[in-house]
């Protein structure tokens, strides 16, 4: 009988220990999802405002042909598949405060050179 009680106590302790193993660990932040659509020489939205260090997930889709998407000053450079295909997803941590131009990197027609937008990383206000 004593062995049975000891075994149950050990089992209960192991269950409690495994359940509390994750307590106190910091989880990676859930990224803010921003939908971006490319179509006929524009990105919508063409201006994206974030804070430095913020976790961001861009979901990039096209309403026409395939496009490129590059953010100058970062390592973001992906292809946005043509309409009807699955969206391209880019997850990143917002860089230092500043303005970063994003642009189409695939020739998509006569207005291709005008297909640009801006990632604005603004200073944190009221936060240490």
N, C-alpha and C. Protein backbone atom coordinates (compact mmCIF):
# COMPACT_ATOMS: atom_id res chain seq x y z
N UNK A 1 0.82 -1.19 0.00
CA UNK A 1 0.00 0.00 0.00
C UNK A 1 0.87 1.25 0.00
N UNK A 2 1.91 1.29 0.79
CA UNK A 2 2.80 2.43 0.85
C UNK A 2 3.49 2.65 -0.49
N UNK A 3 3.84 1.59 -1.18
CA UNK A 3 4.47 1.68 -2.50
C UNK A 3 3.50 2.30 -3.49
N UNK A 4 2.23 1.94 -3.41
CA UNK A 4 1.20 2.48 -4.30
C UNK A 4 1.05 3.99 -4.08
N UNK A 5 1.05 4.44 -2.84
CA UNK A 5 0.92 5.86 -2.52
C UNK A 5 2.15 6.62 -3.00
N UNK A 6 3.32 6.05 -2.81
CA UNK A 6 4.56 6.68 -3.24
C UNK A 6 4.59 6.81 -4.76
N UNK A 7 4.14 5.76 -5.46
CA UNK A 7 4.12 5.79 -6.93
C UNK A 7 3.17 6.87 -7.42
N UNK A 8 2.00 6.99 -6.77
CA UNK A 8 1.04 8.03 -7.16
C UNK A 8 1.60 9.43 -6.90
N UNK A 9 2.28 9.60 -5.80
CA UNK A 9 2.88 10.89 -5.46
C UNK A 9 3.94 11.28 -6.48
N UNK A 10 4.76 10.32 -6.88
CA UNK A 10 5.80 10.58 -7.89
C UNK A 10 5.16 10.94 -9.22
N UNK A 11 4.11 10.20 -9.60
CA UNK A 11 3.41 10.48 -10.85
C UNK A 11 2.78 11.88 -10.82
N UNK A 12 2.14 12.22 -9.72
CA UNK A 12 1.51 13.54 -9.60
C UNK A 12 2.57 14.64 -9.66
N UNK A 13 3.70 14.44 -9.02
CA UNK A 13 4.78 15.42 -9.06
C UNK A 13 5.33 15.59 -10.46
N UNK A 14 5.48 14.49 -11.19
CA UNK A 14 5.98 14.56 -12.57
C UNK A 14 5.00 15.32 -13.46
N UNK A 15 3.72 15.09 -13.26
CA UNK A 15 2.70 15.80 -14.06
C UNK A 15 2.75 17.30 -13.77
N UNK A 16 2.82 17.66 -12.50
CA UNK A 16 2.90 19.08 -12.14
C UNK A 16 4.16 19.73 -12.66
N UNK A 17 5.26 19.02 -12.58
CA UNK A 17 6.53 19.56 -13.06
C UNK A 17 6.49 19.79 -14.56
N UNK A 18 5.94 18.84 -15.32
CA UNK A 18 5.89 19.01 -16.77
C UNK A 18 4.90 20.10 -17.17
N UNK A 19 3.82 20.26 -16.40
CA UNK A 19 2.84 21.30 -16.72
C UNK A 19 3.39 22.69 -16.46
N UNK A 20 4.27 22.81 -15.46
CA UNK A 20 4.80 24.13 -15.14
C UNK A 20 6.12 24.43 -15.84
N UNK A 21 6.60 23.52 -16.67
CA UNK A 21 7.89 23.70 -17.33
C UNK A 21 7.92 24.94 -18.21
N UNK A 22 6.80 25.30 -18.82
CA UNK A 22 6.76 26.44 -19.72
C UNK A 22 6.48 27.76 -19.03
N UNK A 23 6.11 27.71 -17.74
CA UNK A 23 5.78 28.92 -17.00
C UNK A 23 7.04 29.76 -16.83
N UNK A 24 6.92 31.04 -17.10
CA UNK A 24 8.05 31.94 -16.94
C UNK A 24 8.87 32.12 -18.21
N UNK A 25 8.67 31.27 -19.19
CA UNK A 25 9.39 31.43 -20.46
C UNK A 25 8.67 32.47 -21.30
N UNK A 26 9.43 33.32 -21.93
CA UNK A 26 8.79 34.30 -22.79
C UNK A 26 8.56 33.69 -24.17
N UNK A 27 7.38 33.90 -24.67
CA UNK A 27 7.00 33.42 -25.99
C UNK A 27 7.37 34.48 -27.01
N UNK A 28 7.74 34.07 -28.23
CA UNK A 28 7.99 35.09 -29.24
C UNK A 28 6.71 35.88 -29.49
N UNK A 29 6.84 37.17 -29.74
CA UNK A 29 5.64 37.99 -29.93
C UNK A 29 4.85 37.54 -31.16
N UNK A 30 3.55 37.63 -31.05
CA UNK A 30 2.69 37.33 -32.19
C UNK A 30 2.82 38.49 -33.17
N UNK A 31 3.19 38.20 -34.42
CA UNK A 31 3.39 39.30 -35.37
C UNK A 31 2.08 40.00 -35.73
N UNK A 32 2.19 41.29 -36.00
CA UNK A 32 1.06 42.04 -36.54
C UNK A 32 0.97 41.70 -38.01
N UNK A 33 -0.18 41.28 -38.47
CA UNK A 33 -0.37 40.89 -39.86
C UNK A 33 -0.84 42.09 -40.67
N UNK A 34 -0.13 42.35 -41.78
CA UNK A 34 -0.47 43.45 -42.68
C UNK A 34 -0.66 42.85 -44.07
N UNK A 35 -1.85 43.05 -44.64
CA UNK A 35 -2.15 42.57 -45.98
C UNK A 35 -1.72 43.62 -47.00
N UNK A 36 -0.95 43.19 -47.99
CA UNK A 36 -0.49 44.10 -49.05
C UNK A 36 -0.89 43.49 -50.39
N UNK A 37 -1.53 44.29 -51.22
CA UNK A 37 -1.95 43.84 -52.55
C UNK A 37 -1.19 44.61 -53.61
N UNK A 38 -0.70 43.87 -54.61
CA UNK A 38 -0.01 44.47 -55.75
C UNK A 38 -0.94 44.39 -56.96
N UNK A 39 -1.06 45.51 -57.69
CA UNK A 39 -1.89 45.51 -58.90
C UNK A 39 -1.64 46.78 -59.70
N UNK A 40 -1.48 46.61 -60.99
CA UNK A 40 -1.37 47.71 -61.95
C UNK A 40 -0.51 48.86 -61.46
N UNK A 41 0.69 48.54 -61.08
CA UNK A 41 1.72 49.52 -60.75
C UNK A 41 1.54 50.22 -59.41
N UNK A 42 0.79 49.60 -58.50
CA UNK A 42 0.64 50.14 -57.15
C UNK A 42 0.66 49.02 -56.11
N UNK A 43 1.04 49.38 -54.91
CA UNK A 43 0.89 48.51 -53.76
C UNK A 43 -0.17 49.15 -52.87
N UNK A 44 -1.05 48.34 -52.32
CA UNK A 44 -2.06 48.85 -51.39
C UNK A 44 -1.95 48.04 -50.10
N UNK A 45 -1.64 48.68 -48.97
CA UNK A 45 -1.34 50.10 -48.83
C UNK A 45 0.05 50.42 -49.38
N UNK A 46 0.24 51.66 -49.75
CA UNK A 46 1.55 52.08 -50.27
C UNK A 46 2.43 52.65 -49.17
N UNK A 47 1.86 52.82 -47.99
CA UNK A 47 2.62 53.29 -46.84
C UNK A 47 2.27 52.42 -45.64
N UNK A 48 3.29 51.81 -45.05
CA UNK A 48 3.10 50.93 -43.90
C UNK A 48 3.87 51.53 -42.74
N UNK A 49 3.17 51.75 -41.61
CA UNK A 49 3.79 52.38 -40.45
C UNK A 49 3.91 51.35 -39.33
N UNK A 50 5.13 51.18 -38.81
CA UNK A 50 5.42 50.22 -37.75
C UNK A 50 6.35 50.87 -36.72
N UNK A 51 6.60 50.16 -35.63
CA UNK A 51 7.53 50.63 -34.61
C UNK A 51 8.78 49.76 -34.63
N UNK A 52 9.93 50.32 -34.25
CA UNK A 52 11.16 49.52 -34.24
C UNK A 52 11.04 48.32 -33.31
N UNK A 53 11.51 47.17 -33.77
CA UNK A 53 11.46 45.95 -32.97
C UNK A 53 10.13 45.23 -33.02
N UNK A 54 9.13 45.81 -33.68
CA UNK A 54 7.81 45.19 -33.77
C UNK A 54 7.87 43.98 -34.70
N UNK A 55 7.23 42.89 -34.28
CA UNK A 55 7.14 41.69 -35.12
C UNK A 55 6.06 41.92 -36.18
N UNK A 56 6.42 41.75 -37.45
CA UNK A 56 5.53 42.05 -38.57
C UNK A 56 5.44 40.83 -39.48
N UNK A 57 4.24 40.56 -39.96
CA UNK A 57 4.04 39.55 -40.99
C UNK A 57 3.31 40.22 -42.15
N UNK A 58 3.99 40.31 -43.29
CA UNK A 58 3.36 40.85 -44.50
C UNK A 58 2.80 39.68 -45.29
N UNK A 59 1.55 39.79 -45.68
CA UNK A 59 0.94 38.79 -46.57
C UNK A 59 0.72 39.50 -47.91
N UNK A 60 1.52 39.11 -48.86
CA UNK A 60 1.59 39.79 -50.16
C UNK A 60 0.84 39.00 -51.22
N UNK A 61 -0.13 39.65 -51.86
CA UNK A 61 -0.87 38.99 -52.94
C UNK A 61 -0.97 39.92 -54.14
N UNK A 62 -1.28 39.34 -55.28
CA UNK A 62 -1.41 40.12 -56.51
C UNK A 62 -2.81 39.98 -57.07
N UNK A 63 -3.32 41.07 -57.62
CA UNK A 63 -4.60 41.03 -58.31
C UNK A 63 -4.42 40.96 -59.81
N UNK A 64 -3.18 40.78 -60.27
CA UNK A 64 -2.94 40.61 -61.70
C UNK A 64 -1.78 39.65 -61.93
N UNK A 65 -0.66 40.14 -62.36
CA UNK A 65 0.49 39.30 -62.71
C UNK A 65 1.43 39.12 -61.51
N UNK A 66 2.49 38.36 -61.68
CA UNK A 66 3.50 38.21 -60.62
C UNK A 66 4.28 39.52 -60.48
N UNK A 67 4.64 39.83 -59.26
CA UNK A 67 5.41 41.04 -58.96
C UNK A 67 6.56 40.65 -58.03
N UNK A 68 7.54 41.52 -57.94
CA UNK A 68 8.58 41.37 -56.94
C UNK A 68 8.28 42.31 -55.79
N UNK A 69 8.89 42.06 -54.65
CA UNK A 69 8.71 42.95 -53.50
C UNK A 69 10.03 42.98 -52.74
N UNK A 70 10.68 44.15 -52.77
CA UNK A 70 11.95 44.33 -52.08
C UNK A 70 11.85 45.58 -51.22
N UNK A 71 12.38 45.46 -49.99
CA UNK A 71 12.45 46.61 -49.10
C UNK A 71 13.91 47.01 -49.01
N UNK A 72 14.23 48.20 -49.52
CA UNK A 72 15.61 48.67 -49.53
C UNK A 72 16.14 48.80 -48.11
N UNK A 73 17.40 48.43 -47.92
CA UNK A 73 18.03 48.51 -46.62
C UNK A 73 17.74 47.32 -45.72
N UNK A 74 17.03 46.32 -46.25
CA UNK A 74 16.73 45.10 -45.49
C UNK A 74 17.06 43.91 -46.39
N UNK A 75 16.86 42.71 -45.86
CA UNK A 75 17.07 41.51 -46.68
C UNK A 75 15.75 40.97 -47.25
N UNK A 76 14.70 41.78 -47.21
CA UNK A 76 13.40 41.35 -47.75
C UNK A 76 13.41 41.51 -49.26
N UNK A 77 13.21 40.40 -49.96
CA UNK A 77 13.19 40.38 -51.42
C UNK A 77 12.50 39.09 -51.85
N UNK A 78 11.21 39.18 -52.19
CA UNK A 78 10.42 38.00 -52.52
C UNK A 78 9.64 38.22 -53.81
N UNK A 79 9.09 37.13 -54.33
CA UNK A 79 8.21 37.19 -55.49
C UNK A 79 6.78 37.04 -55.01
N UNK A 80 5.92 37.92 -55.49
CA UNK A 80 4.48 37.83 -55.20
C UNK A 80 3.86 37.07 -56.36
N UNK A 81 3.29 35.90 -56.11
CA UNK A 81 2.72 35.11 -57.21
C UNK A 81 1.53 35.81 -57.87
N UNK A 82 1.25 35.42 -59.12
CA UNK A 82 0.14 36.03 -59.87
C UNK A 82 -1.20 35.72 -59.22
N UNK A 83 -2.22 36.46 -59.65
CA UNK A 83 -3.57 36.32 -59.12
C UNK A 83 -4.01 34.85 -59.10
N UNK A 84 -4.66 34.47 -58.03
CA UNK A 84 -5.16 33.10 -57.90
C UNK A 84 -4.20 32.16 -57.19
N UNK A 85 -2.95 32.55 -57.07
CA UNK A 85 -1.97 31.72 -56.36
C UNK A 85 -1.95 32.11 -54.88
N UNK A 86 -1.32 31.29 -54.09
CA UNK A 86 -1.20 31.55 -52.66
C UNK A 86 -0.35 32.81 -52.42
N UNK A 87 -0.70 33.57 -51.40
CA UNK A 87 0.04 34.80 -51.06
C UNK A 87 1.45 34.46 -50.59
N UNK A 88 2.37 35.37 -50.83
CA UNK A 88 3.72 35.26 -50.28
C UNK A 88 3.68 35.85 -48.88
N UNK A 89 4.40 35.23 -47.95
CA UNK A 89 4.42 35.72 -46.57
C UNK A 89 5.84 36.04 -46.17
N UNK A 90 6.02 37.21 -45.57
CA UNK A 90 7.32 37.65 -45.08
C UNK A 90 7.15 38.03 -43.61
N UNK A 91 7.93 37.39 -42.74
CA UNK A 91 7.90 37.72 -41.32
C UNK A 91 9.25 38.33 -40.96
N UNK A 92 9.21 39.47 -40.26
CA UNK A 92 10.44 40.14 -39.90
C UNK A 92 10.22 41.02 -38.67
N UNK A 93 11.33 41.44 -38.10
CA UNK A 93 11.29 42.40 -37.00
C UNK A 93 11.63 43.76 -37.59
N UNK A 94 10.77 44.74 -37.31
CA UNK A 94 10.97 46.07 -37.88
C UNK A 94 12.35 46.61 -37.51
N UNK A 95 13.04 47.19 -38.49
CA UNK A 95 14.40 47.71 -38.26
C UNK A 95 14.39 49.02 -37.48
N UNK A 96 15.53 49.66 -37.46
CA UNK A 96 15.70 50.95 -36.77
C UNK A 96 14.77 52.00 -37.37
N UNK A 97 14.42 53.03 -36.59
CA UNK A 97 13.56 54.08 -37.12
C UNK A 97 14.11 54.67 -38.42
N UNK A 98 13.21 54.96 -39.33
CA UNK A 98 13.58 55.53 -40.61
C UNK A 98 12.53 55.24 -41.66
N UNK A 99 12.83 55.60 -42.87
CA UNK A 99 11.93 55.37 -44.01
C UNK A 99 12.63 54.43 -44.98
N UNK A 100 11.96 53.35 -45.33
CA UNK A 100 12.51 52.33 -46.20
C UNK A 100 11.59 52.17 -47.41
N UNK A 101 12.13 52.42 -48.58
CA UNK A 101 11.35 52.29 -49.81
C UNK A 101 11.16 50.81 -50.14
N UNK A 102 9.93 50.45 -50.52
CA UNK A 102 9.74 49.12 -51.08
C UNK A 102 9.29 49.28 -52.52
N UNK A 103 9.65 48.29 -53.34
CA UNK A 103 9.40 48.42 -54.77
C UNK A 103 9.20 47.06 -55.41
N UNK A 104 8.60 47.09 -56.58
CA UNK A 104 8.46 45.89 -57.40
C UNK A 104 9.79 45.63 -58.10
N UNK A 105 10.22 44.39 -58.08
CA UNK A 105 11.51 44.04 -58.69
C UNK A 105 11.36 43.17 -59.93
N UNK A 106 10.12 42.99 -60.38
CA UNK A 106 9.89 42.22 -61.61
C UNK A 106 9.21 43.12 -62.63
N UNK A 107 9.74 43.16 -63.82
CA UNK A 107 9.12 43.98 -64.87
C UNK A 107 7.67 43.54 -65.04
N UNK A 108 6.75 44.47 -64.79
CA UNK A 108 5.32 44.11 -64.80
C UNK A 108 4.52 44.97 -65.78
N UNK A 109 5.19 45.80 -66.56
CA UNK A 109 4.49 46.62 -67.53
C UNK A 109 5.05 48.03 -67.60
N UNK A 110 4.35 48.88 -68.33
CA UNK A 110 4.82 50.23 -68.62
C UNK A 110 5.00 51.09 -67.36
N UNK A 111 4.22 50.86 -66.32
CA UNK A 111 4.32 51.67 -65.11
C UNK A 111 5.16 51.04 -64.02
N UNK A 112 5.90 50.00 -64.35
CA UNK A 112 6.70 49.27 -63.37
C UNK A 112 7.59 50.18 -62.53
N UNK A 113 8.26 51.15 -63.14
CA UNK A 113 9.21 52.01 -62.42
C UNK A 113 8.54 52.88 -61.36
N UNK A 114 7.22 52.99 -61.41
CA UNK A 114 6.49 53.81 -60.45
C UNK A 114 5.88 52.97 -59.32
N UNK A 115 6.10 51.67 -59.36
CA UNK A 115 5.48 50.76 -58.39
C UNK A 115 6.34 50.71 -57.13
N UNK A 116 6.06 51.67 -56.24
CA UNK A 116 6.84 51.82 -55.00
C UNK A 116 5.92 52.14 -53.84
N UNK A 117 6.48 51.97 -52.66
CA UNK A 117 5.78 52.33 -51.43
C UNK A 117 6.82 52.64 -50.37
N UNK A 118 6.35 52.81 -49.15
CA UNK A 118 7.26 53.20 -48.09
C UNK A 118 6.91 52.48 -46.79
N UNK A 119 7.93 51.88 -46.19
CA UNK A 119 7.83 51.32 -44.84
C UNK A 119 8.38 52.38 -43.90
N UNK A 120 7.52 52.90 -43.03
CA UNK A 120 7.93 53.94 -42.09
C UNK A 120 8.07 53.29 -40.71
N UNK A 121 9.28 53.31 -40.19
CA UNK A 121 9.52 52.81 -38.83
C UNK A 121 9.66 54.05 -37.96
N UNK A 122 8.62 54.32 -37.19
CA UNK A 122 8.59 55.54 -36.38
C UNK A 122 9.15 55.28 -34.99
N UNK A 123 9.67 56.34 -34.40
CA UNK A 123 10.19 56.27 -33.02
C UNK A 123 9.06 55.86 -32.09
N UNK A 124 9.40 55.08 -31.08
CA UNK A 124 8.40 54.75 -30.07
C UNK A 124 8.10 55.99 -29.25
N UNK A 125 6.84 56.26 -29.02
CA UNK A 125 6.43 57.43 -28.25
C UNK A 125 5.98 56.98 -26.87
N UNK A 126 6.59 57.56 -25.84
CA UNK A 126 6.17 57.26 -24.47
C UNK A 126 6.60 55.91 -23.95
N UNK A 127 7.50 55.24 -24.62
CA UNK A 127 7.99 53.93 -24.16
C UNK A 127 9.49 54.02 -23.94
N UNK A 128 9.97 53.32 -22.90
CA UNK A 128 11.42 53.37 -22.64
C UNK A 128 12.24 52.74 -23.72
